[in-house]
Protein backbone atom coordinates (compact mmCIF):
# COMPACT_ATOMS: atom_id res chain seq x y z
CA MET A 1 0.00 0.00 0.00
CA GLU A 2 1.40 3.35 -1.07
CA GLU A 3 1.35 5.93 1.70
CA ASN A 4 0.09 9.47 1.10
CA SER A 5 2.91 11.93 1.64
CA LYS A 6 3.29 15.65 1.01
CA VAL A 7 5.17 14.82 -2.18
CA THR A 8 2.62 14.66 -4.98
CA PRO A 9 3.07 11.65 -7.28
CA THR A 10 3.33 12.52 -10.96
CA GLU A 11 0.39 10.26 -11.84
CA VAL A 12 -1.85 12.44 -9.65
CA LYS A 13 -0.99 15.69 -11.42
CA GLY A 14 -3.14 16.96 -14.27
CA TRP A 15 -6.28 18.86 -15.19
CA ASN A 16 -9.38 18.33 -13.05
CA TRP A 17 -12.71 19.24 -14.67
CA GLY A 18 -14.51 18.88 -11.36
CA ALA A 19 -12.21 21.39 -9.70
CA PHE A 20 -12.61 23.74 -12.68
CA MET A 21 -16.41 23.64 -12.91
CA PHE A 22 -17.41 23.03 -9.29
CA ASN A 23 -14.45 24.92 -7.79
CA TRP A 24 -15.67 25.95 -4.33
CA MET A 25 -17.80 22.82 -3.79
CA TRP A 26 -14.97 20.63 -5.01
CA GLY A 27 -12.59 22.45 -2.65
CA ILE A 28 -14.77 21.88 0.41
CA GLY A 29 -15.33 18.24 -0.57
CA ASN A 30 -11.60 17.68 -0.95
CA LYS A 31 -10.45 19.62 2.15
CA SER A 32 -8.78 22.18 -0.10
CA TYR A 33 -9.84 25.70 0.69
CA LEU A 34 -7.85 27.70 -1.87
CA PRO A 35 -10.70 27.25 -4.39
CA LEU A 36 -12.82 29.48 -2.14
CA LEU A 37 -10.88 32.40 -3.63
CA VAL A 38 -13.24 32.14 -6.62
CA PHE A 39 -15.57 34.39 -4.63
CA ILE A 40 -13.24 37.35 -5.30
CA PRO A 41 -14.73 39.22 -8.28
CA LEU A 42 -12.59 39.46 -11.44
CA PHE A 43 -9.81 37.42 -9.79
CA ASN A 44 -12.07 34.39 -10.12
CA ILE A 45 -11.86 34.48 -13.92
CA VAL A 46 -8.18 33.52 -13.71
CA TRP A 47 -8.45 31.51 -10.50
CA ILE A 48 -10.84 28.87 -11.90
CA PHE A 49 -8.15 27.88 -14.40
CA ILE A 50 -5.54 27.63 -11.65
CA VAL A 51 -7.93 25.49 -9.59
CA GLY A 52 -8.49 23.19 -12.59
CA ALA A 53 -4.75 22.84 -13.14
CA LYS A 54 -3.59 22.51 -9.52
CA GLY A 55 -6.68 20.91 -7.96
CA ASN A 56 -5.45 17.32 -8.03
CA GLU A 57 -2.24 18.28 -6.27
CA TRP A 58 -4.12 20.19 -3.55
CA ALA A 59 -6.58 17.34 -3.06
CA TRP A 60 -3.73 14.82 -2.72
CA GLU A 61 -1.84 16.99 -0.23
CA ASN A 62 -4.91 17.69 1.92
CA GLY A 63 -6.65 14.33 1.58
CA ASP A 64 -6.14 11.09 3.40
CA TYR A 65 -6.07 8.74 0.44
CA LYS A 66 -4.54 5.32 1.02
CA ASP A 67 -3.09 5.12 -2.51
CA VAL A 68 -3.07 6.69 -5.95
CA ALA A 69 -5.70 4.29 -7.31
CA THR A 70 -8.20 5.34 -4.64
CA PHE A 71 -7.45 8.99 -5.31
CA LYS A 72 -7.92 8.56 -9.05
CA ALA A 73 -11.22 6.73 -8.53
CA VAL A 74 -12.59 9.57 -6.40
CA GLN A 75 -11.38 12.27 -8.77
CA ALA A 76 -12.69 10.37 -11.82
CA THR A 77 -16.22 11.01 -10.55
CA TRP A 78 -15.50 14.71 -10.14
CA ASN A 79 -13.88 14.80 -13.59
CA ARG A 80 -16.87 13.17 -15.31
CA ALA A 81 -19.34 15.49 -13.59
CA GLY A 82 -17.20 18.54 -14.36
CA LEU A 83 -16.77 17.63 -18.01
CA VAL A 84 -20.52 17.04 -18.43
CA ALA A 85 -21.23 20.39 -16.75
CA PHE A 86 -18.71 22.09 -19.05
CA VAL A 87 -20.26 20.62 -22.21
CA VAL A 88 -23.77 21.52 -21.02
CA ALA A 89 -22.61 25.08 -20.25
CA ILE A 90 -21.05 25.48 -23.71
CA ILE A 91 -24.13 24.11 -25.48
CA GLY A 92 -26.41 26.24 -23.30
CA SER A 93 -24.36 29.35 -24.04
CA LEU A 94 -24.42 28.69 -27.78
CA LEU A 95 -28.18 28.15 -27.75
CA TYR A 96 -28.65 31.31 -25.66
CA PHE A 97 -26.65 33.48 -28.07
CA MET A 98 -28.38 31.95 -31.08
CA PHE A 99 -31.75 32.69 -29.49
CA ILE A 100 -30.75 36.29 -28.71
CA GLY A 101 -29.49 36.70 -32.30
CA ILE A 102 -32.75 35.40 -33.73
CA ILE A 103 -34.83 37.67 -31.48
CA MET A 104 -32.71 40.72 -32.35
CA SER A 105 -32.96 39.87 -36.05
CA LEU A 106 -36.75 39.61 -35.80
CA VAL A 107 -36.96 42.92 -33.93
CA VAL A 108 -34.74 44.71 -36.47
CA ASN A 109 -36.69 43.24 -39.39
CA SER A 110 -39.96 44.20 -37.74
CA LEU A 111 -38.79 47.77 -37.16
CA SER A 112 -37.44 48.14 -40.69
CA THR A 113 -40.65 46.89 -42.33
CA SER A 114 -42.92 49.00 -40.11
CA GLY A 115 -41.21 52.28 -41.06
CA TYR A 116 -39.48 53.16 -37.78
């Protein structure tokens, strides 16, 4: 059994979609409180990317995982949920902007044909 130490194994490092998308909730769930800095306006735009990149390392250092496999299994759930949330957010944003574009186009066409 591999013991959790303060040295982060290389296989733990990497991007974490759960930390990126669910930053403050992920932080609390993983005993890592640096993600709470996302509540600072404007700073949070940059900080969410740092949390996504460094999240696994913080979770390993603050967690009590018995080995890397257990850690990866726990973070795999966060990663799946985060990736799904990211895809849904992108699709939702695209649909939103398409809808706004269509509405604005209809309004402009309506105004131009009514003589305003």
